[in-house]
Amino acid sequence: TIFNRLFAAQQNTVLEKGADEPLYKPATEAGEQHRVLFRH
């Protein structure tokens, strides 16, 4: 909530849980957001 409130609109980037391995996935198409994925 803290990260997304700060950066979802301003940096088009969201933080998400649940990944088996941490990964940063940049947006590849218009309308997508960059995703910072963390473990479980």
PDB file of all heavy atoms in Angstrom:
ATOM      1  N   THR A   1       0.837  -1.211   0.000  1.00  0.00           N
ATOM      2  CA  THR A   1       0.000   0.000   0.000  1.00  0.00           C
ATOM      3  C   THR A   1       0.865   1.252   0.000  1.00  0.00           C
ATOM      4  O   THR A   1       0.624   2.189  -0.774  1.00  0.00           O
ATOM      5  CB  THR A   1      -0.950  -0.006   1.217  1.00  0.00           C
ATOM      6  OG1 THR A   1      -1.797  -1.148   1.123  1.00  0.00           O
ATOM      7  CG2 THR A   1      -1.786   1.262   1.271  1.00  0.00           C
ATOM      8  N   ILE A   2       1.876   1.282   0.856  1.00  0.00           N
ATOM      9  CA  ILE A   2       2.758   2.450   0.941  1.00  0.00           C
ATOM     10  C   ILE A   2       3.479   2.667  -0.388  1.00  0.00           C
ATOM     11  O   ILE A   2       3.464   3.772  -0.942  1.00  0.00           O
ATOM     12  CB  ILE A   2       3.773   2.287   2.097  1.00  0.00           C
ATOM     13  CG1 ILE A   2       3.054   2.339   3.448  1.00  0.00           C
ATOM     14  CG2 ILE A   2       4.872   3.355   2.014  1.00  0.00           C
ATOM     15  CD1 ILE A   2       3.891   1.851   4.622  1.00  0.00           C
ATOM     16  N   PHE A   3       4.102   1.616  -0.908  1.00  0.00           N
ATOM     17  CA  PHE A   3       4.848   1.733  -2.157  1.00  0.00           C
ATOM     18  C   PHE A   3       3.933   2.170  -3.302  1.00  0.00           C
ATOM     19  O   PHE A   3       4.249   3.108  -4.041  1.00  0.00           O
ATOM     20  CB  PHE A   3       5.524   0.404  -2.493  1.00  0.00           C
ATOM     21  CG  PHE A   3       6.380   0.468  -3.729  1.00  0.00           C
ATOM     22  CD1 PHE A   3       7.731   0.736  -3.631  1.00  0.00           C
ATOM     23  CD2 PHE A   3       5.836   0.247  -4.997  1.00  0.00           C
ATOM     24  CE1 PHE A   3       8.534   0.797  -4.769  1.00  0.00           C
ATOM     25  CE2 PHE A   3       6.627   0.304  -6.130  1.00  0.00           C
ATOM     26  CZ  PHE A   3       7.981   0.587  -6.020  1.00  0.00           C
ATOM     27  N   ASN A   4       2.806   1.493  -3.448  1.00  0.00           N
ATOM     28  CA  ASN A   4       1.918   1.785  -4.576  1.00  0.00           C
ATOM     29  C   ASN A   4       1.310   3.177  -4.479  1.00  0.00           C
ATOM     30  O   ASN A   4       1.126   3.848  -5.500  1.00  0.00           O
ATOM     31  CB  ASN A   4       0.855   0.701  -4.705  1.00  0.00           C
ATOM     32  CG  ASN A   4       1.458  -0.634  -5.104  1.00  0.00           C
ATOM     33  OD1 ASN A   4       2.639  -0.732  -5.443  1.00  0.00           O
ATOM     34  ND2 ASN A   4       0.662  -1.677  -5.047  1.00  0.00           N
ATOM     35  N   ARG A   5       1.034   3.635  -3.269  1.00  0.00           N
ATOM     36  CA  ARG A   5       0.510   5.000  -3.080  1.00  0.00           C
ATOM     37  C   ARG A   5       1.551   6.018  -3.541  1.00  0.00           C
ATOM     38  O   ARG A   5       1.220   7.018  -4.159  1.00  0.00           O
ATOM     39  CB  ARG A   5       0.151   5.223  -1.615  1.00  0.00           C
ATOM     40  CG  ARG A   5      -0.386   6.601  -1.299  1.00  0.00           C
ATOM     41  CD  ARG A   5      -0.709   6.731   0.164  1.00  0.00           C
ATOM     42  NE  ARG A   5       0.390   6.183   0.956  1.00  0.00           N
ATOM     43  CZ  ARG A   5       1.169   6.900   1.759  1.00  0.00           C
ATOM     44  NH1 ARG A   5       0.975   8.162   1.922  1.00  0.00           N
ATOM     45  NH2 ARG A   5       2.151   6.324   2.428  1.00  0.00           N
ATOM     46  N   LEU A   6       2.812   5.740  -3.271  1.00  0.00           N
ATOM     47  CA  LEU A   6       3.887   6.665  -3.638  1.00  0.00           C
ATOM     48  C   LEU A   6       4.262   6.600  -5.116  1.00  0.00           C
ATOM     49  O   LEU A   6       4.559   7.632  -5.719  1.00  0.00           O
ATOM     50  CB  LEU A   6       5.147   6.365  -2.810  1.00  0.00           C
ATOM     51  CG  LEU A   6       5.072   6.595  -1.317  1.00  0.00           C
ATOM     52  CD1 LEU A   6       6.313   6.028  -0.635  1.00  0.00           C
ATOM     53  CD2 LEU A   6       4.921   8.085  -1.020  1.00  0.00           C
ATOM     54  N   PHE A   7       4.292   5.386  -5.692  1.00  0.00           N
ATOM     55  CA  PHE A   7       4.945   5.219  -6.980  1.00  0.00           C
ATOM     56  C   PHE A   7       4.082   4.687  -8.118  1.00  0.00           C
ATOM     57  O   PHE A   7       4.521   4.712  -9.271  1.00  0.00           O
ATOM     58  CB  PHE A   7       6.177   4.321  -6.814  1.00  0.00           C
ATOM     59  CG  PHE A   7       7.163   4.852  -5.814  1.00  0.00           C
ATOM     60  CD1 PHE A   7       7.437   4.151  -4.652  1.00  0.00           C
ATOM     61  CD2 PHE A   7       7.803   6.064  -6.021  1.00  0.00           C
ATOM     62  CE1 PHE A   7       8.348   4.631  -3.719  1.00  0.00           C
ATOM     63  CE2 PHE A   7       8.718   6.564  -5.099  1.00  0.00           C
ATOM     64  CZ  PHE A   7       8.991   5.842  -3.937  1.00  0.00           C
ATOM     65  N   ALA A   8       2.880   4.193  -7.855  1.00  0.00           N
ATOM     66  CA  ALA A   8       2.064   3.623  -8.947  1.00  0.00           C
ATOM     67  C   ALA A   8       1.766   4.671 -10.015  1.00  0.00           C
ATOM     68  O   ALA A   8       1.963   4.405 -11.206  1.00  0.00           O
ATOM     69  CB  ALA A   8       0.774   3.022  -8.403  1.00  0.00           C
ATOM     70  N   ALA A   9       1.328   5.834  -9.613  1.00  0.00           N
ATOM     71  CA  ALA A   9       1.019   6.879 -10.596  1.00  0.00           C
ATOM     72  C   ALA A   9       2.282   7.631 -11.018  1.00  0.00           C
ATOM     73  O   ALA A   9       2.530   7.825 -12.209  1.00  0.00           O
ATOM     74  CB  ALA A   9      -0.007   7.852 -10.024  1.00  0.00           C
ATOM     75  N   GLN A  10       3.096   8.021 -10.050  1.00  0.00           N
ATOM     76  CA  GLN A  10       4.266   8.853 -10.324  1.00  0.00           C
ATOM     77  C   GLN A  10       5.327   8.134 -11.152  1.00  0.00           C
ATOM     78  O   GLN A  10       5.926   8.717 -12.046  1.00  0.00           O
ATOM     79  CB  GLN A  10       4.863   9.324  -8.991  1.00  0.00           C
ATOM     80  CG  GLN A  10       6.087  10.172  -9.132  1.00  0.00           C
ATOM     81  CD  GLN A  10       6.780  10.413  -7.800  1.00  0.00           C
ATOM     82  OE1 GLN A  10       6.718   9.599  -6.888  1.00  0.00           O
ATOM     83  NE2 GLN A  10       7.460  11.539  -7.710  1.00  0.00           N
ATOM     84  N   GLN A  11       5.574   6.849 -10.860  1.00  0.00           N
ATOM     85  CA  GLN A  11       6.627   6.094 -11.551  1.00  0.00           C
ATOM     86  C   GLN A  11       6.078   4.922 -12.376  1.00  0.00           C
ATOM     87  O   GLN A  11       6.861   4.143 -12.911  1.00  0.00           O
ATOM     88  CB  GLN A  11       7.623   5.546 -10.522  1.00  0.00           C
ATOM     89  CG  GLN A  11       8.342   6.617  -9.739  1.00  0.00           C
ATOM     90  CD  GLN A  11       9.404   7.312 -10.564  1.00  0.00           C
ATOM     91  OE1 GLN A  11      10.024   6.718 -11.433  1.00  0.00           O
ATOM     92  NE2 GLN A  11       9.624   8.584 -10.296  1.00  0.00           N
ATOM     93  N   ASN A  12       4.753   4.789 -12.436  1.00  0.00           N
ATOM     94  CA  ASN A  12       4.108   3.701 -13.162  1.00  0.00           C
ATOM     95  C   ASN A  12       4.640   2.333 -12.707  1.00  0.00           C
ATOM     96  O   ASN A  12       4.856   1.431 -13.504  1.00  0.00           O
ATOM     97  CB  ASN A  12       4.287   3.867 -14.675  1.00  0.00           C
ATOM     98  CG  ASN A  12       3.361   2.963 -15.464  1.00  0.00           C
ATOM     99  OD1 ASN A  12       2.209   2.772 -15.095  1.00  0.00           O
ATOM    100  ND2 ASN A  12       3.862   2.379 -16.544  1.00  0.00           N
ATOM    101  N   THR A  13       4.869   2.216 -11.395  1.00  0.00           N
ATOM    102  CA  THR A  13       5.475   1.005 -10.839  1.00  0.00           C
ATOM    103  C   THR A  13       4.698   0.555  -9.614  1.00  0.00           C
ATOM    104  O   THR A  13       4.335   1.375  -8.765  1.00  0.00           O
ATOM    105  CB  THR A  13       6.942   1.266 -10.434  1.00  0.00           C
ATOM    106  OG1 THR A  13       7.635   1.783 -11.575  1.00  0.00           O
ATOM    107  CG2 THR A  13       7.626   0.005  -9.952  1.00  0.00           C
ATOM    108  N   VAL A  14       4.444  -0.766  -9.524  1.00  0.00           N
ATOM    109  CA  VAL A  14       3.744  -1.330  -8.369  1.00  0.00           C
ATOM    110  C   VAL A  14       4.586  -2.424  -7.725  1.00  0.00           C
ATOM    111  O   VAL A  14       5.422  -3.046  -8.379  1.00  0.00           O
ATOM    112  CB  VAL A  14       2.347  -1.891  -8.756  1.00  0.00           C
ATOM    113  CG1 VAL A  14       1.410  -0.766  -9.193  1.00  0.00           C
ATOM    114  CG2 VAL A  14       2.458  -2.961  -9.823  1.00  0.00           C
ATOM    115  N   LEU A  15       4.329  -2.645  -6.460  1.00  0.00           N
ATOM    116  CA  LEU A  15       4.967  -3.696  -5.680  1.00  0.00           C
ATOM    117  C   LEU A  15       3.965  -4.820  -5.519  1.00  0.00           C
ATOM    118  O   LEU A  15       2.800  -4.571  -5.172  1.00  0.00           O
ATOM    119  CB  LEU A  15       5.383  -3.132  -4.312  1.00  0.00           C
ATOM    120  CG  LEU A  15       6.069  -4.081  -3.338  1.00  0.00           C
ATOM    121  CD1 LEU A  15       7.420  -4.553  -3.890  1.00  0.00           C
ATOM    122  CD2 LEU A  15       6.271  -3.378  -1.986  1.00  0.00           C
ATOM    123  N   GLU A  16       4.400  -6.065  -5.766  1.00  0.00           N
ATOM    124  CA  GLU A  16       3.499  -7.219  -5.675  1.00  0.00           C
ATOM    125  C   GLU A  16       4.166  -8.371  -4.941  1.00  0.00           C
ATOM    126  O   GLU A  16       5.353  -8.638  -5.149  1.00  0.00           O
ATOM    127  CB  GLU A  16       3.091  -7.707  -7.076  1.00  0.00           C
ATOM    128  CG  GLU A  16       2.299  -6.708  -7.871  1.00  0.00           C
ATOM    129  CD  GLU A  16       1.954  -7.213  -9.254  1.00  0.00           C
ATOM    130  OE1 GLU A  16       2.285  -8.383  -9.590  1.00  0.00           O
ATOM    131  OE2 GLU A  16       1.372  -6.433 -10.030  1.00  0.00           O
ATOM    132  N   LYS A  17       3.387  -9.085  -4.142  1.00  0.00           N
ATOM    133  CA  LYS A  17       3.900 -10.259  -3.433  1.00  0.00           C
ATOM    134  C   LYS A  17       3.527 -11.529  -4.189  1.00  0.00           C
ATOM    135  O   LYS A  17       2.761 -11.500  -5.137  1.00  0.00           O
ATOM    136  CB  LYS A  17       3.335 -10.307  -2.011  1.00  0.00           C
ATOM    137  CG  LYS A  17       1.838 -10.560  -1.935  1.00  0.00           C
ATOM    138  CD  LYS A  17       1.367 -10.557  -0.491  1.00  0.00           C
ATOM    139  CE  LYS A  17      -0.140 -10.710  -0.419  1.00  0.00           C
ATOM    140  NZ  LYS A  17      -0.631 -10.650   0.961  1.00  0.00           N
ATOM    141  N   GLY A  18       4.096 -12.640  -3.726  1.00  0.00           N
ATOM    142  CA  GLY A  18       3.676 -13.940  -4.220  1.00  0.00           C
ATOM    143  C   GLY A  18       4.586 -14.605  -5.225  1.00  0.00           C
ATOM    144  O   GLY A  18       4.312 -15.720  -5.664  1.00  0.00           O
ATOM    145  N   ALA A  19       5.695 -13.969  -5.603  1.00  0.00           N
ATOM    146  CA  ALA A  19       6.592 -14.578  -6.588  1.00  0.00           C
ATOM    147  C   ALA A  19       7.406 -15.702  -5.953  1.00  0.00           C
ATOM    148  O   ALA A  19       7.743 -15.641  -4.781  1.00  0.00           O
ATOM    149  CB  ALA A  19       7.535 -13.519  -7.156  1.00  0.00           C
ATOM    150  N   ASP A  20       7.704 -16.733  -6.745  1.00  0.00           N
ATOM    151  CA  ASP A  20       8.593 -17.795  -6.264  1.00  0.00           C
ATOM    152  C   ASP A  20      10.017 -17.268  -6.123  1.00  0.00           C
ATOM    153  O   ASP A  20      10.759 -17.696  -5.251  1.00  0.00           O
ATOM    154  CB  ASP A  20       8.577 -18.994  -7.215  1.00  0.00           C
ATOM    155  CG  ASP A  20       7.264 -19.755  -7.130  1.00  0.00           C
ATOM    156  OD1 ASP A  20       6.612 -19.717  -6.075  1.00  0.00           O
ATOM    157  OD2 ASP A  20       6.904 -20.392  -8.144  1.00  0.00           O
ATOM    158  N   GLU A  21      10.395 -16.371  -7.004  1.00  0.00           N
ATOM    159  CA  GLU A  21      11.699 -15.704  -6.957  1.00  0.00           C
ATOM    160  C   GLU A  21      11.470 -14.213  -7.187  1.00  0.00           C
ATOM    161  O   GLU A  21      10.614 -13.832  -7.983  1.00  0.00           O
ATOM    162  CB  GLU A  21      12.634 -16.252  -8.042  1.00  0.00           C
ATOM    163  CG  GLU A  21      13.084 -17.670  -7.808  1.00  0.00           C
ATOM    164  CD  GLU A  21      13.929 -17.831  -6.544  1.00  0.00           C
ATOM    165  OE1 GLU A  21      14.672 -16.884  -6.175  1.00  0.00           O
ATOM    166  OE2 GLU A  21      13.844 -18.896  -5.916  1.00  0.00           O
ATOM    167  N   PRO A  22      12.240 -13.364  -6.524  1.00  0.00           N
ATOM    168  CA  PRO A  22      12.087 -11.921  -6.752  1.00  0.00           C
ATOM    169  C   PRO A  22      12.427 -11.571  -8.195  1.00  0.00           C
ATOM    170  O   PRO A  22      13.310 -12.192  -8.793  1.00  0.00           O
ATOM    171  CB  PRO A  22      13.074 -11.281  -5.789  1.00  0.00           C
ATOM    172  CG  PRO A  22      13.814 -12.365  -5.118  1.00  0.00           C
ATOM    173  CD  PRO A  22      13.277 -13.678  -5.558  1.00  0.00           C
ATOM    174  N   LEU A  23      11.724 -10.584  -8.718  1.00  0.00           N
ATOM    175  CA  LEU A  23      11.939 -10.206 -10.110  1.00  0.00           C
ATOM    176  C   LEU A  23      11.388  -8.809 -10.347  1.00  0.00           C
ATOM    177  O   LEU A  23      10.339  -8.450  -9.818  1.00  0.00           O
ATOM    178  CB  LEU A  23      11.229 -11.199 -11.038  1.00  0.00           C
ATOM    179  CG  LEU A  23      11.367 -10.971 -12.540  1.00  0.00           C
ATOM    180  CD1 LEU A  23      12.805 -11.237 -12.995  1.00  0.00           C
ATOM    181  CD2 LEU A  23      10.390 -11.856 -13.304  1.00  0.00           C
ATOM    182  N   TYR A  24      12.091  -8.046 -11.167  1.00  0.00           N
ATOM    183  CA  TYR A  24      11.567  -6.771 -11.647  1.00  0.00           C
ATOM    184  C   TYR A  24      11.144  -6.972 -13.093  1.00  0.00           C
ATOM    185  O   TYR A  24      11.945  -7.408 -13.921  1.00  0.00           O
ATOM    186  CB  TYR A  24      12.622  -5.664 -11.556  1.00  0.00           C
ATOM    187  CG  TYR A  24      12.161  -4.390 -12.211  1.00  0.00           C
ATOM    188  CD1 TYR A  24      11.195  -3.588 -11.598  1.00  0.00           C
ATOM    189  CD2 TYR A  24      12.658  -4.001 -13.447  1.00  0.00           C
ATOM    190  CE1 TYR A  24      10.755  -2.424 -12.204  1.00  0.00           C
ATOM    191  CE2 TYR A  24      12.224  -2.830 -14.055  1.00  0.00           C
ATOM    192  CZ  TYR A  24      11.269  -2.052 -13.436  1.00  0.00           C
ATOM    193  OH  TYR A  24      10.828  -0.904 -14.032  1.00  0.00           O
ATOM    194  N   LYS A  25       9.878  -6.667 -13.381  1.00  0.00           N
ATOM    195  CA  LYS A  25       9.351  -6.826 -14.735  1.00  0.00           C
ATOM    196  C   LYS A  25       8.910  -5.470 -15.254  1.00  0.00           C
ATOM    197  O   LYS A  25       7.903  -4.928 -14.803  1.00  0.00           O
ATOM    198  CB  LYS A  25       8.165  -7.798 -14.740  1.00  0.00           C
ATOM    199  CG  LYS A  25       8.558  -9.229 -14.395  1.00  0.00           C
ATOM    200  CD  LYS A  25       7.372 -10.147 -14.404  1.00  0.00           C
ATOM    201  CE  LYS A  25       7.047 -10.495 -15.824  1.00  0.00           C
ATOM    202  NZ  LYS A  25       5.999 -11.518 -15.956  1.00  0.00           N
ATOM    203  N   PRO A  26       9.657  -4.919 -16.201  1.00  0.00           N
ATOM    204  CA  PRO A  26       9.254  -3.634 -16.766  1.00  0.00           C
ATOM    205  C   PRO A  26       8.011  -3.798 -17.642  1.00  0.00           C
ATOM    206  O   PRO A  26       7.776  -4.871 -18.201  1.00  0.00           O
ATOM    207  CB  PRO A  26      10.464  -3.212 -17.599  1.00  0.00           C
ATOM    208  CG  PRO A  26      11.151  -4.488 -17.948  1.00  0.00           C
ATOM    209  CD  PRO A  26      10.881  -5.436 -16.800  1.00  0.00           C
ATOM    210  N   ALA A  27       7.254  -2.744 -17.741  1.00  0.00           N
ATOM    211  CA  ALA A  27       6.089  -2.748 -18.625  1.00  0.00           C
ATOM    212  C   ALA A  27       6.566  -2.916 -20.061  1.00  0.00           C
ATOM    213  O   ALA A  27       7.583  -2.353 -20.458  1.00  0.00           O
ATOM    214  CB  ALA A  27       5.309  -1.442 -18.470  1.00  0.00           C
ATOM    215  N   THR A  28       5.846  -3.712 -20.820  1.00  0.00           N
ATOM    216  CA  THR A  28       6.237  -3.934 -22.219  1.00  0.00           C
ATOM    217  C   THR A  28       5.206  -3.391 -23.199  1.00  0.00           C
ATOM    218  O   THR A  28       5.474  -3.311 -24.389  1.00  0.00           O
ATOM    219  CB  THR A  28       6.456  -5.437 -22.494  1.00  0.00           C
ATOM    220  OG1 THR A  28       5.269  -6.152 -22.165  1.00  0.00           O
ATOM    221  CG2 THR A  28       7.638  -5.964 -21.692  1.00  0.00           C
ATOM    222  N   GLU A  29       4.033  -3.059 -22.691  1.00  0.00           N
ATOM    223  CA  GLU A  29       2.976  -2.534 -23.550  1.00  0.00           C
ATOM    224  C   GLU A  29       2.361  -1.291 -22.912  1.00  0.00           C
ATOM    225  O   GLU A  29       2.403  -1.126 -21.690  1.00  0.00           O
ATOM    226  CB  GLU A  29       1.881  -3.590 -23.744  1.00  0.00           C
ATOM    227  CG  GLU A  29       2.357  -4.837 -24.459  1.00  0.00           C
ATOM    228  CD  GLU A  29       1.243  -5.864 -24.632  1.00  0.00           C
ATOM    229  OE1 GLU A  29       0.056  -5.495 -24.551  1.00  0.00           O
ATOM    230  OE2 GLU A  29       1.573  -7.038 -24.846  1.00  0.00           O
ATOM    231  N   ALA A  30       1.780  -0.449 -23.742  1.00  0.00           N
ATOM    232  CA  ALA A  30       1.101   0.744 -23.244  1.00  0.00           C
ATOM    233  C   ALA A  30       0.007   0.327 -22.264  1.00  0.00           C
ATOM    234  O   ALA A  30      -0.687  -0.670 -22.478  1.00  0.00           O
ATOM    235  CB  ALA A  30       0.505   1.527 -24.404  1.00  0.00           C
ATOM    236  N   GLY A  31      -0.111   1.047 -21.190  1.00  0.00           N
ATOM    237  CA  GLY A  31      -1.133   0.750 -20.195  1.00  0.00           C
ATOM    238  C   GLY A  31      -0.681  -0.202 -19.095  1.00  0.00           C
ATOM    239  O   GLY A  31      -1.337  -0.330 -18.080  1.00  0.00           O
ATOM    240  N   GLU A  32       0.426  -0.896 -19.309  1.00  0.00           N
ATOM    241  CA  GLU A  32       0.971  -1.780 -18.278  1.00  0.00           C
ATOM    242  C   GLU A  32       1.781  -0.975 -17.271  1.00  0.00           C
ATOM    243  O   GLU A  32       2.255   0.120 -17.569  1.00  0.00           O
ATOM    244  CB  GLU A  32       1.915  -2.826 -18.892  1.00  0.00           C
ATOM    245  CG  GLU A  32       1.251  -3.977 -19.550  1.00  0.00           C
ATOM    246  CD  GLU A  32       2.272  -5.027 -19.982  1.00  0.00           C
ATOM    247  OE1 GLU A  32       3.483  -4.757 -20.027  1.00  0.00           O
ATOM    248  OE2 GLU A  32       1.815  -6.121 -20.298  1.00  0.00           O
ATOM    249  N   GLN A  33       1.940  -1.563 -16.097  1.00  0.00           N
ATOM    250  CA  GLN A  33       2.810  -0.968 -15.085  1.00  0.00           C
ATOM    251  C   GLN A  33       4.042  -1.833 -14.891  1.00  0.00           C
ATOM    252  O   GLN A  33       3.993  -3.052 -15.073  1.00  0.00           O
ATOM    253  CB  GLN A  33       2.064  -0.829 -13.756  1.00  0.00           C
ATOM    254  CG  GLN A  33       0.959   0.216 -13.827  1.00  0.00           C
ATOM    255  CD  GLN A  33       0.274   0.387 -12.498  1.00  0.00           C
ATOM    256  OE1 GLN A  33      -0.302  -0.557 -11.970  1.00  0.00           O
ATOM    257  NE2 GLN A  33       0.342   1.595 -11.968  1.00  0.00           N
ATOM    258  N   HIS A  34       5.143  -1.191 -14.515  1.00  0.00           N
ATOM    259  CA  HIS A  34       6.332  -1.926 -14.111  1.00  0.00           C
ATOM    260  C   HIS A  34       5.983  -2.633 -12.806  1.00  0.00           C
ATOM    261  O   HIS A  34       5.219  -2.105 -11.988  1.00  0.00           O
ATOM    262  CB  HIS A  34       7.506  -0.971 -13.886  1.00  0.00           C
ATOM    263  CG  HIS A  34       7.767  -0.043 -15.029  1.00  0.00           C
ATOM    264  ND1 HIS A  34       8.207  -0.472 -16.260  1.00  0.00           N
ATOM    265  CD2 HIS A  34       7.631   1.298 -15.119  1.00  0.00           C
ATOM    266  CE1 HIS A  34       8.354   0.568 -17.050  1.00  0.00           C
ATOM    267  NE2 HIS A  34       7.999   1.653 -16.389  1.00  0.00           N
ATOM    268  N   ARG A  35       6.557  -3.828 -12.601  1.00  0.00           N
ATOM    269  CA  ARG A  35       6.217  -4.609 -11.408  1.00  0.00           C
ATOM    270  C   ARG A  35       7.467  -5.040 -10.656  1.00  0.00           C
ATOM    271  O   ARG A  35       8.369  -5.635 -11.226  1.00  0.00           O
ATOM    272  CB  ARG A  35       5.401  -5.837 -11.820  1.00  0.00           C
ATOM    273  CG  ARG A  35       4.073  -5.441 -12.476  1.00  0.00           C
ATOM    274  CD  ARG A  35       3.375  -6.577 -13.190  1.00  0.00           C
ATOM    275  NE  ARG A  35       3.183  -7.734 -12.334  1.00  0.00           N
ATOM    276  CZ  ARG A  35       3.186  -8.980 -12.786  1.00  0.00           C
ATOM    277  NH1 ARG A  35       3.368  -9.231 -14.060  1.00  0.00           N
ATOM    278  NH2 ARG A  35       2.998  -9.984 -11.967  1.00  0.00           N
ATOM    279  N   VAL A  36       7.488  -4.711  -9.370  1.00  0.00           N
ATOM    280  CA  VAL A  36       8.541  -5.162  -8.463  1.00  0.00           C
ATOM    281  C   VAL A  36       7.942  -6.343  -7.699  1.00  0.00           C
ATOM    282  O   VAL A  36       7.032  -6.164  -6.887  1.00  0.00           O
ATOM    283  CB  VAL A  36       8.972  -4.047  -7.482  1.00  0.00           C
ATOM    284  CG1 VAL A  36      10.036  -4.560  -6.515  1.00  0.00           C
ATOM    285  CG2 VAL A  36       9.456  -2.813  -8.239  1.00  0.00           C
ATOM    286  N   LEU A  37       8.408  -7.547  -8.010  1.00  0.00           N
ATOM    287  CA  LEU A  37       7.848  -8.762  -7.416  1.00  0.00           C
ATOM    288  C   LEU A  37       8.766  -9.278  -6.320  1.00  0.00           C
ATOM    289  O   LEU A  37       9.981  -9.371  -6.521  1.00  0.00           O
ATOM    290  CB  LEU A  37       7.684  -9.837  -8.489  1.00  0.00           C
ATOM    291  CG  LEU A  37       6.880  -9.434  -9.726  1.00  0.00           C
ATOM    292  CD1 LEU A  37       7.022 -10.471 -10.823  1.00  0.00           C
ATOM    293  CD2 LEU A  37       5.427  -9.242  -9.359  1.00  0.00           C
ATOM    294  N   PHE A  38       8.173  -9.613  -5.166  1.00  0.00           N
ATOM    295  CA  PHE A  38       8.988 -10.170  -4.090  1.00  0.00           C
ATOM    296  C   PHE A  38       8.473 -11.535  -3.689  1.00  0.00           C
ATOM    297  O   PHE A  38       7.351 -11.913  -4.001  1.00  0.00           O
ATOM    298  CB  PHE A  38       9.084  -9.208  -2.898  1.00  0.00           C
ATOM    299  CG  PHE A  38       7.787  -8.911  -2.196  1.00  0.00           C
ATOM    300  CD1 PHE A  38       7.404  -9.638  -1.079  1.00  0.00           C
ATOM    301  CD2 PHE A  38       6.968  -7.879  -2.629  1.00  0.00           C
ATOM    302  CE1 PHE A  38       6.224  -9.353  -0.407  1.00  0.00           C
ATOM    303  CE2 PHE A  38       5.791  -7.586  -1.963  1.00  0.00           C
ATOM    304  CZ  PHE A  38       5.414  -8.329  -0.853  1.00  0.00           C
ATOM    305  N   ARG A  39       9.335 -12.275  -2.983  1.00  0.00           N
ATOM    306  CA  ARG A  39       9.059 -13.672  -2.634  1.00  0.00           C
ATOM    307  C   ARG A  39       7.884 -13.800  -1.681  1.00  0.00           C
ATOM    308  O   ARG A  39       7.868 -13.187  -0.620  1.00  0.00           O
ATOM    309  CB  ARG A  39      10.283 -14.322  -2.006  1.00  0.00           C
ATOM    310  CG  ARG A  39      11.336 -14.693  -3.020  1.00  0.00           C
ATOM    311  CD  ARG A  39      12.467 -15.436  -2.374  1.00  0.00           C
ATOM    312  NE  ARG A  39      12.004 -16.558  -1.583  1.00  0.00           N
ATOM    313  CZ  ARG A  39      11.974 -17.819  -2.008  1.00  0.00           C
ATOM    314  NH1 ARG A  39      12.384 -18.114  -3.211  1.00  0.00           N
ATOM    315  NH2 ARG A  39      11.558 -18.777  -1.240  1.00  0.00           N
ATOM    316  N   HIS A  40       6.966 -14.638  -2.076  1.00  0.00           N
ATOM    317  CA  HIS A  40       5.835 -15.063  -1.261  1.00  0.00           C
ATOM    318  C   HIS A  40       5.224 -13.883  -0.511  1.00  0.00           C
ATOM    319  O   HIS A  40       4.732 -12.957  -1.120  1.00  0.00           O
ATOM    320  CB  HIS A  40       6.251 -16.205  -0.331  1.00  0.00           C
ATOM    321  CG  HIS A  40       6.860 -17.352  -1.086  1.00  0.00           C
ATOM    322  ND1 HIS A  40       6.121 -18.168  -1.907  1.00  0.00           N
ATOM    323  CD2 HIS A  40       8.140 -17.783  -1.184  1.00  0.00           C
ATOM    324  CE1 HIS A  40       6.912 -19.066  -2.474  1.00  0.00           C
ATOM    325  NE2 HIS A  40       8.144 -18.855  -2.050  1.00  0.00           N
TER     326      HIS A  40
END
